[in-house]
Amino acid sequence: MKEPSAKRVYGSLDMWRGLLAMWVVIFHVLLDPAIHRNSIVPGSLIAEFISWGPVRVPMFFVISGYCMAAAAANTMDRNHSSWQFVVARVRRIYPPHLTVLLIAIFTAGLAWLAQDMGFVNGSNLARHFEGLTTGVIIANAVLLHGPLDQPSLNAVTWTLCYEVAFYAVMAIAILMLRSKGWQLMLKVLHAVTVLTFGLSLLFPTWLVFPFSIPAHVTVGEPYVMVNAWTSFGEGLLLFDLLCGKPWKERTTNDKYFYIGVIFSLFILIVAQITYSKLPNSTHVVVTSLFAILLYLLHPFDKRICGTKWLKGIFFVGSISYSLYLTHSMVLPNWEKLLSALKIPMPLLEVYVLFALAACIAFAYVFYSLVEVPLIPSKSKKASPRVANNEGVIGYSGGQIADGLHNVADAKTDHSVSEREQDPSVSKR
């Protein structure tokens, strides 16, 4: 059994998770209709910020690809099975997700009961609860509602559907190529990235999830994000270039292979921007530049991790999965609290900062109560930035109530992150 290399540690990924997580929350705060009507001027910096909001999802997938490559490499170096890889992923991603899902259903159920007993009238949550079906609940619980085109009870979890699918692909790759080593496995996956990217441009109907994307990620909220696997694949390539054999030790054929992969991705990106009519086609440029930036910053990782004024951002990164899952519950209740207390809407910047602080505070409590007990004891004893998680945060903020609203509408209209790159690798 071979122990994982320490050079796989990329601690400052937590900083990027923190920044992207705060971007998520701010983006969803700004999506509030009242803010749109009263505070956002078309063409302003804030309006431009909103228009680029969706790009953060592919950026998280780049981080996820790096982390999953590291987790797979560690699994194979330790001669662990693909089943052990899957169990570690499931243990990390599902309990927090299911906890939030149960809170959503329980809250809606209480509202329905209160209405049935005559304590409240016309409750939207009660109506949403009545619209729930067993199939929708199961699909959401196992994170298959995305590919099955089912309503999302917590709209942000559509990205977790991709994460789970990515895990499945990685597990199959480990199962088939474990005896060949993780570097060959990654080369095969690089070829898959190039092939599926090309097919997405030429024959998109040939692809299946997660290499394609359903017409509606959440019912009632059509959103097309192209090349989900491509962003993930860029993260795999980033890990391979940083943590695989040094370039001078690679064979000539290997060098030609990697140059070919990079050149092919460049040509496909140019082709997509030039010829593709899909929305957000330029976002793959952002993810590619992000991957290049992570590559260039890697030598400065320890210095970045030791920068004191970045500690707050690292802290947010460490709880980013909880923040991702719970902020969609906090934001609508934050607005209701201000309304109930008859607090007037403050300046937009002040409102956004207080909403962000409320979401982070709630996420920390959730993290402490739900996530921390699930962290293996050996990881708790490790350095704060030595565990990895998948690092994906969803685009579609919505709210729990909105997700339940989608269920009711669908009935009538027919319409992460394993905290473990490993104990020896990076942490959320």
Protein backbone atom coordinates (compact mmCIF):
# COMPACT_ATOMS: atom_id res chain seq x y z
CA MET A 1 0.00 0.00 0.00
CA LYS A 2 1.33 3.39 -1.00
CA GLU A 3 0.67 6.43 1.18
CA PRO A 4 -0.70 9.54 -0.58
CA SER A 5 1.77 12.27 -1.41
CA ALA A 6 1.71 15.40 0.74
CA LYS A 7 1.98 17.58 -2.35
CA ARG A 8 -1.70 16.87 -3.09
CA VAL A 9 -2.59 19.31 -0.35
CA TYR A 10 -4.09 22.48 -1.82
CA GLY A 11 -5.25 24.28 1.31
CA SER A 12 -6.12 27.60 -0.31
CA LEU A 13 -9.00 25.97 -2.19
CA ASP A 14 -10.90 26.80 1.02
CA MET A 15 -10.37 30.47 0.30
CA TRP A 16 -11.93 30.06 -3.13
CA ARG A 17 -14.82 28.09 -1.66
CA GLY A 18 -15.39 30.89 0.80
CA LEU A 19 -15.37 33.57 -1.87
CA LEU A 20 -17.66 31.59 -4.16
CA ALA A 21 -19.98 30.71 -1.29
CA MET A 22 -20.40 34.36 -0.38
CA TRP A 23 -20.96 35.13 -4.04
CA VAL A 24 -23.79 32.58 -4.00
CA VAL A 25 -25.52 34.16 -1.02
CA ILE A 26 -25.11 37.73 -2.29
CA PHE A 27 -26.38 36.68 -5.69
CA HIS A 28 -29.51 35.17 -4.16
CA VAL A 29 -30.09 38.18 -1.94
CA LEU A 30 -30.00 40.39 -5.02
CA LEU A 31 -32.52 38.14 -6.76
CA ASP A 32 -35.18 39.34 -4.32
CA PRO A 33 -37.93 40.93 -6.48
CA ALA A 34 -38.29 43.90 -4.13
CA ILE A 35 -34.59 44.68 -4.45
CA HIS A 36 -34.78 44.34 -8.20
CA ARG A 37 -37.66 46.79 -8.40
CA ASN A 38 -36.31 49.38 -6.02
CA SER A 39 -32.55 49.27 -6.00
CA ILE A 40 -30.99 47.75 -9.08
CA VAL A 41 -30.44 49.99 -12.07
CA PRO A 42 -30.26 48.17 -15.42
CA GLY A 43 -26.72 48.25 -16.73
CA SER A 44 -25.23 48.99 -13.31
CA LEU A 45 -22.38 47.05 -11.70
CA ILE A 46 -24.86 45.12 -9.55
CA ALA A 47 -26.96 44.21 -12.57
CA GLU A 48 -23.81 42.98 -14.31
CA PHE A 49 -22.91 41.00 -11.18
CA ILE A 50 -26.28 39.26 -11.33
CA SER A 51 -25.92 38.47 -15.02
CA TRP A 52 -22.64 36.65 -14.33
CA GLY A 53 -24.01 34.80 -11.29
CA PRO A 54 -24.36 31.38 -12.95
CA VAL A 55 -20.64 31.15 -13.72
CA ARG A 56 -19.82 30.29 -10.12
CA VAL A 57 -21.31 26.79 -10.51
CA PRO A 58 -18.78 25.70 -13.17
CA MET A 59 -16.06 27.32 -11.05
CA PHE A 60 -17.07 25.12 -8.13
CA PHE A 61 -16.99 22.12 -10.44
CA VAL A 62 -13.33 22.88 -11.22
CA ILE A 63 -12.57 22.69 -7.48
CA SER A 64 -14.67 19.56 -7.24
CA GLY A 65 -12.72 17.91 -10.04
CA TYR A 66 -9.42 18.58 -8.29
CA CYS A 67 -10.73 17.22 -5.01
CA MET A 68 -12.27 14.11 -6.55
CA ALA A 69 -9.08 13.34 -8.45
CA ALA A 70 -7.15 13.58 -5.18
CA ALA A 71 -9.68 11.38 -3.37
CA ALA A 72 -9.53 8.80 -6.17
CA ALA A 73 -5.73 8.85 -6.21
CA ASN A 74 -5.63 8.35 -2.45
CA THR A 75 -8.13 5.51 -2.71
CA MET A 76 -6.05 3.73 -5.33
CA ASP A 77 -2.71 4.36 -3.58
CA ARG A 78 -4.11 2.74 -0.45
CA ASN A 79 -5.51 -0.13 -2.47
CA HIS A 80 -9.01 0.69 -1.30
CA SER A 81 -11.97 -0.42 -3.37
CA SER A 82 -14.33 1.72 -5.41
CA TRP A 83 -17.00 0.76 -2.85
CA GLN A 84 -14.99 2.41 -0.07
CA PHE A 85 -14.69 5.48 -2.27
CA VAL A 86 -18.48 5.57 -2.73
CA VAL A 87 -19.22 5.03 0.97
CA ALA A 88 -16.96 7.95 1.93
CA ARG A 89 -18.74 10.23 -0.55
CA VAL A 90 -22.22 9.14 0.51
CA ARG A 91 -21.41 9.53 4.19
CA ARG A 92 -20.33 13.08 3.63
CA ILE A 93 -22.87 14.48 1.20
CA TYR A 94 -26.18 12.84 2.12
CA PRO A 95 -26.73 13.35 5.89
CA PRO A 96 -26.60 17.19 5.77
CA HIS A 97 -28.69 17.20 2.60
CA LEU A 98 -31.31 14.87 4.10
CA THR A 99 -31.40 16.93 7.29
CA VAL A 100 -32.32 20.08 5.37
CA LEU A 101 -34.84 18.15 3.29
CA LEU A 102 -36.54 16.81 6.42
CA ILE A 103 -36.67 20.30 7.92
CA ALA A 104 -38.35 21.56 4.75
CA ILE A 105 -40.95 18.79 4.70
CA PHE A 106 -41.54 19.00 8.45
CA THR A 107 -42.06 22.77 8.30
CA ALA A 108 -44.53 22.42 5.45
CA GLY A 109 -46.30 19.63 7.31
CA LEU A 110 -46.70 21.80 10.41
CA ALA A 111 -48.17 24.56 8.29
CA TRP A 112 -50.64 22.11 6.75
CA LEU A 113 -51.61 20.80 10.21
CA ALA A 114 -52.08 24.33 11.56
CA GLN A 115 -54.30 25.18 8.63
CA ASP A 116 -56.28 21.96 9.00
CA MET A 117 -56.89 22.77 12.67
CA GLY A 118 -58.05 26.27 11.81
CA PHE A 119 -55.14 28.19 13.32
CA VAL A 120 -54.10 29.74 10.00
CA ASN A 121 -55.77 30.29 6.67
CA GLY A 122 -54.41 30.29 3.13
CA SER A 123 -50.95 29.02 4.03
CA ASN A 124 -48.73 28.67 0.98
CA LEU A 125 -46.59 26.09 2.76
CA ALA A 126 -49.70 24.02 3.49
CA ARG A 127 -50.67 24.10 -0.16
CA HIS A 128 -47.15 23.08 -1.12
CA PHE A 129 -47.24 20.20 1.38
CA GLU A 130 -50.44 18.92 -0.18
CA GLY A 131 -48.68 18.85 -3.55
CA LEU A 132 -45.90 16.53 -2.39
CA THR A 133 -45.73 13.04 -3.85
CA THR A 134 -43.73 10.03 -2.73
CA GLY A 135 -41.88 9.99 -6.04
CA VAL A 136 -40.78 13.61 -5.73
CA ILE A 137 -39.59 13.08 -2.15
CA ILE A 138 -37.60 9.95 -3.04
CA ALA A 139 -36.06 11.58 -6.12
CA ASN A 140 -34.95 14.55 -4.01
CA ALA A 141 -33.70 12.34 -1.17
CA VAL A 142 -31.39 10.32 -3.42
CA LEU A 143 -30.43 13.38 -5.49
CA LEU A 144 -31.83 12.11 -8.75
CA HIS A 145 -34.40 14.86 -9.24
CA GLY A 146 -32.12 16.67 -11.70
CA PRO A 147 -31.71 13.92 -14.29
CA LEU A 148 -35.31 12.80 -13.71
CA ASP A 149 -36.52 16.38 -14.30
CA GLN A 150 -38.42 16.44 -11.02
CA PRO A 151 -39.16 19.49 -8.84
CA SER A 152 -36.45 20.36 -6.34
CA LEU A 153 -37.56 20.73 -2.72
CA ASN A 154 -34.40 22.71 -2.04
CA ALA A 155 -33.66 24.34 -5.35
CA VAL A 156 -29.90 24.60 -4.82
CA THR A 157 -29.49 20.83 -4.66
CA TRP A 158 -29.65 20.40 -8.42
CA THR A 159 -25.87 20.84 -8.39
CA LEU A 160 -25.56 17.93 -5.97
CA CYS A 161 -27.23 15.78 -8.63
CA TYR A 162 -24.16 16.50 -10.74
CA GLU A 163 -21.80 15.80 -7.86
CA VAL A 164 -23.39 12.40 -7.25
CA ALA A 165 -23.18 11.57 -10.95
CA PHE A 166 -19.53 12.66 -11.01
CA TYR A 167 -18.85 10.36 -8.04
CA ALA A 168 -20.47 7.50 -9.91
CA VAL A 169 -18.25 8.07 -12.96
CA MET A 170 -15.16 8.25 -10.76
CA ALA A 171 -16.18 5.08 -8.89
CA ILE A 172 -16.61 3.20 -12.18
CA ALA A 173 -13.22 4.45 -13.34
CA ILE A 174 -11.60 3.25 -10.09
CA LEU A 175 -13.32 -0.13 -10.42
CA MET A 176 -12.14 -0.64 -13.99
CA LEU A 177 -8.63 0.81 -13.75
CA ARG A 178 -7.51 0.36 -10.15
CA SER A 179 -4.82 -2.15 -11.13
CA LYS A 180 -3.46 0.27 -13.76
CA GLY A 181 -2.93 3.21 -11.39
CA TRP A 182 -4.62 6.55 -11.01
CA GLN A 183 -2.49 8.39 -13.57
CA LEU A 184 -3.74 6.14 -16.36
CA MET A 185 -7.26 6.49 -14.98
CA LEU A 186 -7.01 10.27 -15.20
CA LYS A 187 -5.70 10.06 -18.76
CA VAL A 188 -8.78 8.05 -19.71
CA LEU A 189 -10.99 10.66 -18.03
CA HIS A 190 -9.19 13.48 -19.88
CA ALA A 191 -10.09 11.71 -23.10
CA VAL A 192 -13.69 11.48 -21.89
CA THR A 193 -13.67 15.24 -21.23
CA VAL A 194 -12.50 16.06 -24.74
CA LEU A 195 -14.86 13.54 -26.35
CA THR A 196 -17.97 14.65 -24.48
CA PHE A 197 -17.14 18.33 -24.99
CA GLY A 198 -16.90 17.72 -28.71
CA LEU A 199 -20.13 15.71 -28.78
CA SER A 200 -21.91 18.46 -26.86
CA LEU A 201 -21.20 20.75 -29.80
CA LEU A 202 -21.77 18.32 -32.66
CA PHE A 203 -24.31 15.79 -31.41
CA PRO A 204 -25.69 17.00 -28.07
CA THR A 205 -28.64 14.58 -28.14
CA TRP A 206 -26.22 11.66 -27.97
CA LEU A 207 -25.12 12.59 -24.44
CA VAL A 208 -26.67 11.51 -21.17
CA PHE A 209 -26.51 13.01 -17.69
CA PRO A 210 -24.06 14.23 -16.32
CA PHE A 211 -22.47 14.95 -19.70
CA SER A 212 -25.71 16.58 -20.82
CA ILE A 213 -28.17 18.72 -18.90
CA PRO A 214 -31.95 18.33 -18.60
CA ALA A 215 -34.22 20.95 -20.13
CA HIS A 216 -35.36 22.04 -16.65
CA VAL A 217 -33.03 21.76 -13.73
CA THR A 218 -35.87 22.78 -11.45
CA VAL A 219 -39.46 22.82 -12.60
CA GLY A 220 -40.51 26.33 -13.46
CA GLU A 221 -36.93 27.58 -13.64
CA PRO A 222 -35.40 26.72 -17.00
CA TYR A 223 -31.66 27.16 -16.98
CA VAL A 224 -29.10 25.85 -19.38
CA MET A 225 -25.54 25.41 -18.17
CA VAL A 226 -23.34 23.95 -20.85
CA ASN A 227 -20.42 21.59 -20.31
CA ALA A 228 -20.88 20.64 -16.66
CA TRP A 229 -18.45 17.73 -17.04
CA THR A 230 -15.97 19.93 -18.90
CA SER A 231 -15.55 22.14 -15.84
CA PHE A 232 -15.16 19.07 -13.66
CA GLY A 233 -12.69 17.64 -16.18
CA GLU A 234 -10.61 20.82 -16.01
CA GLY A 235 -10.27 20.17 -12.29
CA LEU A 236 -9.13 16.60 -13.00
CA LEU A 237 -6.54 17.93 -15.42
CA LEU A 238 -5.40 20.54 -12.90
CA PHE A 239 -4.76 17.84 -10.31
CA ASP A 240 -2.95 15.66 -12.83
CA LEU A 241 -0.61 18.44 -13.91
CA LEU A 242 0.12 19.54 -10.33
CA CYS A 243 0.32 16.17 -8.60
CA GLY A 244 1.21 13.67 -11.30
CA LYS A 245 4.70 12.99 -12.51
CA PRO A 246 6.86 16.10 -12.97
CA TRP A 247 6.76 17.21 -16.59
CA LYS A 248 10.44 16.38 -17.20
CA GLU A 249 9.83 12.80 -16.01
CA ARG A 250 6.92 12.15 -18.36
CA THR A 251 7.53 10.18 -21.52
CA THR A 252 7.46 11.87 -24.92
CA ASN A 253 4.16 10.17 -25.74
CA ASP A 254 2.70 11.43 -22.45
CA LYS A 255 3.80 14.96 -23.25
CA TYR A 256 2.16 14.76 -26.67
CA PHE A 257 -1.00 13.43 -25.01
CA TYR A 258 -1.33 16.29 -22.53
CA ILE A 259 -0.47 18.91 -25.13
CA GLY A 260 -3.13 17.34 -27.33
CA VAL A 261 -5.72 17.45 -24.55
CA ILE A 262 -5.04 21.10 -23.76
CA PHE A 263 -4.98 22.08 -27.44
CA SER A 264 -8.23 20.17 -28.08
CA LEU A 265 -9.95 21.94 -25.19
CA PHE A 266 -8.76 25.29 -26.54
CA ILE A 267 -10.12 24.54 -30.03
CA LEU A 268 -13.44 23.31 -28.60
CA ILE A 269 -13.80 26.42 -26.44
CA VAL A 270 -13.21 28.65 -29.45
CA ALA A 271 -15.68 26.59 -31.47
CA GLN A 272 -18.31 26.81 -28.74
CA ILE A 273 -18.02 30.58 -28.43
CA THR A 274 -17.95 31.07 -32.19
CA TYR A 275 -20.65 28.68 -33.32
CA SER A 276 -22.72 27.61 -30.32
CA LYS A 277 -26.10 29.24 -29.79
CA LEU A 278 -26.43 27.93 -26.25
CA PRO A 279 -26.79 30.41 -23.36
CA ASN A 280 -23.75 30.98 -21.15
CA SER A 281 -21.39 29.40 -23.69
CA THR A 282 -18.64 31.84 -22.71
CA HIS A 283 -18.63 30.61 -19.12
CA VAL A 284 -16.26 27.78 -20.04
CA VAL A 285 -13.69 30.51 -20.74
CA VAL A 286 -14.06 31.69 -17.15
CA THR A 287 -13.63 28.17 -15.75
CA SER A 288 -10.57 27.62 -17.94
CA LEU A 289 -9.00 30.87 -16.75
CA PHE A 290 -9.90 29.90 -13.17
CA ALA A 291 -8.15 26.53 -13.59
CA ILE A 292 -5.09 28.29 -15.02
CA LEU A 293 -5.10 30.73 -12.09
CA LEU A 294 -5.22 27.84 -9.59
CA TYR A 295 -2.29 26.23 -11.40
CA LEU A 296 -0.23 29.43 -11.23
CA LEU A 297 -1.07 30.09 -7.57
CA HIS A 298 -0.24 26.58 -6.38
CA PRO A 299 3.41 27.37 -5.54
CA PHE A 300 2.17 30.13 -3.21
CA ASP A 301 -0.37 27.90 -1.42
CA LYS A 302 1.31 27.89 1.99
CA ARG A 303 1.79 31.65 1.92
CA ILE A 304 -1.86 32.21 1.04
CA CYS A 305 -3.00 29.84 3.79
CA GLY A 306 -0.86 31.72 6.30
CA THR A 307 -2.23 35.17 5.41
CA LYS A 308 -4.03 36.39 8.53
CA TRP A 309 -6.47 38.78 6.87
CA LEU A 310 -7.82 35.89 4.78
CA LYS A 311 -8.80 33.80 7.82
CA GLY A 312 -12.41 34.94 7.69
CA ILE A 313 -12.74 33.81 4.08
CA PHE A 314 -11.12 30.46 4.94
CA PHE A 315 -13.64 30.09 7.76
CA VAL A 316 -16.55 30.60 5.36
CA GLY A 317 -14.93 28.09 3.02
CA SER A 318 -14.76 25.54 5.81
CA ILE A 319 -18.54 25.70 6.30
CA SER A 320 -19.44 26.31 2.66
CA TYR A 321 -21.43 23.09 2.25
CA SER A 322 -23.67 24.00 5.19
CA LEU A 323 -23.96 27.55 3.88
CA TYR A 324 -24.92 26.20 0.47
CA LEU A 325 -27.62 23.94 1.85
CA THR A 326 -29.16 26.27 4.41
CA HIS A 327 -29.00 29.81 3.05
CA SER A 328 -32.13 29.19 0.99
CA MET A 329 -34.00 28.67 4.27
CA VAL A 330 -32.48 31.66 6.02
CA LEU A 331 -33.02 34.36 3.39
CA PRO A 332 -36.85 34.27 3.17
CA ASN A 333 -37.13 34.13 6.96
CA TRP A 334 -34.67 37.00 7.28
CA GLU A 335 -36.91 39.09 5.06
CA LYS A 336 -39.99 38.07 7.05
CA LEU A 337 -38.25 38.99 10.30
CA LEU A 338 -37.46 42.48 9.07
CA SER A 339 -41.04 42.86 7.89
CA ALA A 340 -42.51 41.60 11.19
CA LEU A 341 -40.32 43.98 13.17
CA LYS A 342 -41.31 46.77 10.77
CA ILE A 343 -37.68 47.51 10.05
CA PRO A 344 -37.45 49.56 6.85
CA MET A 345 -35.26 48.32 4.03
CA PRO A 346 -31.78 49.77 4.72
CA LEU A 347 -29.29 50.76 2.09
CA LEU A 348 -28.77 47.91 -0.34
CA GLU A 349 -25.15 47.37 0.68
CA VAL A 350 -26.11 47.24 4.38
CA TYR A 351 -28.98 44.87 3.71
CA VAL A 352 -26.77 42.51 1.73
CA LEU A 353 -24.07 42.44 4.41
CA PHE A 354 -26.53 41.71 7.22
CA ALA A 355 -28.25 39.01 5.17
CA LEU A 356 -24.87 37.43 4.42
CA ALA A 357 -23.93 37.53 8.11
CA ALA A 358 -27.23 35.90 9.10
CA CYS A 359 -26.71 33.09 6.58
CA ILE A 360 -23.13 32.48 7.75
CA ALA A 361 -24.17 32.41 11.41
CA PHE A 362 -26.94 29.89 10.77
CA ALA A 363 -24.64 27.80 8.57
CA TYR A 364 -22.05 27.63 11.36
CA VAL A 365 -24.65 26.33 13.81
CA PHE A 366 -25.83 23.76 11.27
CA TYR A 367 -22.24 22.78 10.52
CA SER A 368 -21.47 22.28 14.21
CA LEU A 369 -24.58 20.21 14.88
CA VAL A 370 -24.81 18.17 11.68
CA GLU A 371 -21.51 18.14 9.77
CA VAL A 372 -18.91 17.98 12.54
CA PRO A 373 -20.26 14.77 14.15
CA LEU A 374 -19.86 13.05 10.77
CA ILE A 375 -16.19 13.96 10.31
CA PRO A 376 -13.95 10.94 11.06
CA SER A 377 -11.96 11.41 14.25
CA LYS A 378 -8.65 11.20 12.37
CA SER A 379 -9.72 14.10 10.18
CA LYS A 380 -10.68 16.17 13.21
CA LYS A 381 -7.14 15.72 14.54
CA ALA A 382 -5.61 16.72 11.23
CA SER A 383 -4.67 20.18 10.15
CA PRO A 384 -7.67 22.45 9.49
CA ARG A 385 -6.94 22.46 5.78
CA VAL A 386 -6.22 18.86 5.29
CA ALA A 387 -9.53 17.37 4.48
CA ASN A 388 -11.24 17.88 1.20
CA ASN A 389 -14.76 18.35 0.15
CA GLU A 390 -16.30 18.56 -3.23
CA GLY A 391 -16.89 22.26 -3.14
CA VAL A 392 -19.95 22.72 -5.24
CA ILE A 393 -22.54 25.35 -4.54
CA GLY A 394 -25.69 25.66 -6.53
CA TYR A 395 -26.75 28.36 -8.90
CA SER A 396 -30.45 28.18 -8.40
CA GLY A 397 -31.01 29.78 -5.04
CA GLY A 398 -34.73 29.69 -4.79
CA GLN A 399 -36.07 28.92 -1.39
CA ILE A 400 -37.37 25.84 0.35
CA ALA A 401 -40.86 27.23 0.02
CA ASP A 402 -40.21 27.94 -3.64
CA GLY A 403 -39.14 24.35 -4.12
CA LEU A 404 -42.33 23.13 -2.53
CA HIS A 405 -44.24 25.63 -4.63
CA ASN A 406 -42.70 23.99 -7.69
CA VAL A 407 -44.10 20.64 -6.54
CA ALA A 408 -47.60 22.01 -6.34
CA ASP A 409 -47.26 23.65 -9.73
CA ALA A 410 -45.84 20.50 -11.29
CA LYS A 411 -48.83 18.54 -10.05
CA THR A 412 -51.25 20.81 -11.82
CA ASP A 413 -49.18 22.07 -14.76
CA HIS A 414 -47.17 18.90 -15.41
CA SER A 415 -44.37 21.23 -15.53
CA VAL A 416 -21.06 19.72 -2.02
CA SER A 417 -18.48 17.22 -1.03
CA GLU A 418 -16.69 14.93 0.77
CA ARG A 419 -14.61 16.58 3.33
CA GLU A 420 -12.00 14.25 2.33
CA GLN A 421 -9.61 14.67 -0.44
CA ASP A 422 -8.43 12.71 2.49
CA PRO A 423 -7.06 13.35 5.91
CA SER A 424 -3.93 14.25 4.00
CA VAL A 425 -5.39 16.65 1.54
CA SER A 426 -7.62 19.85 1.74
CA LYS A 427 -10.73 20.96 3.71
CA ARG A 428 -13.99 22.86 3.24
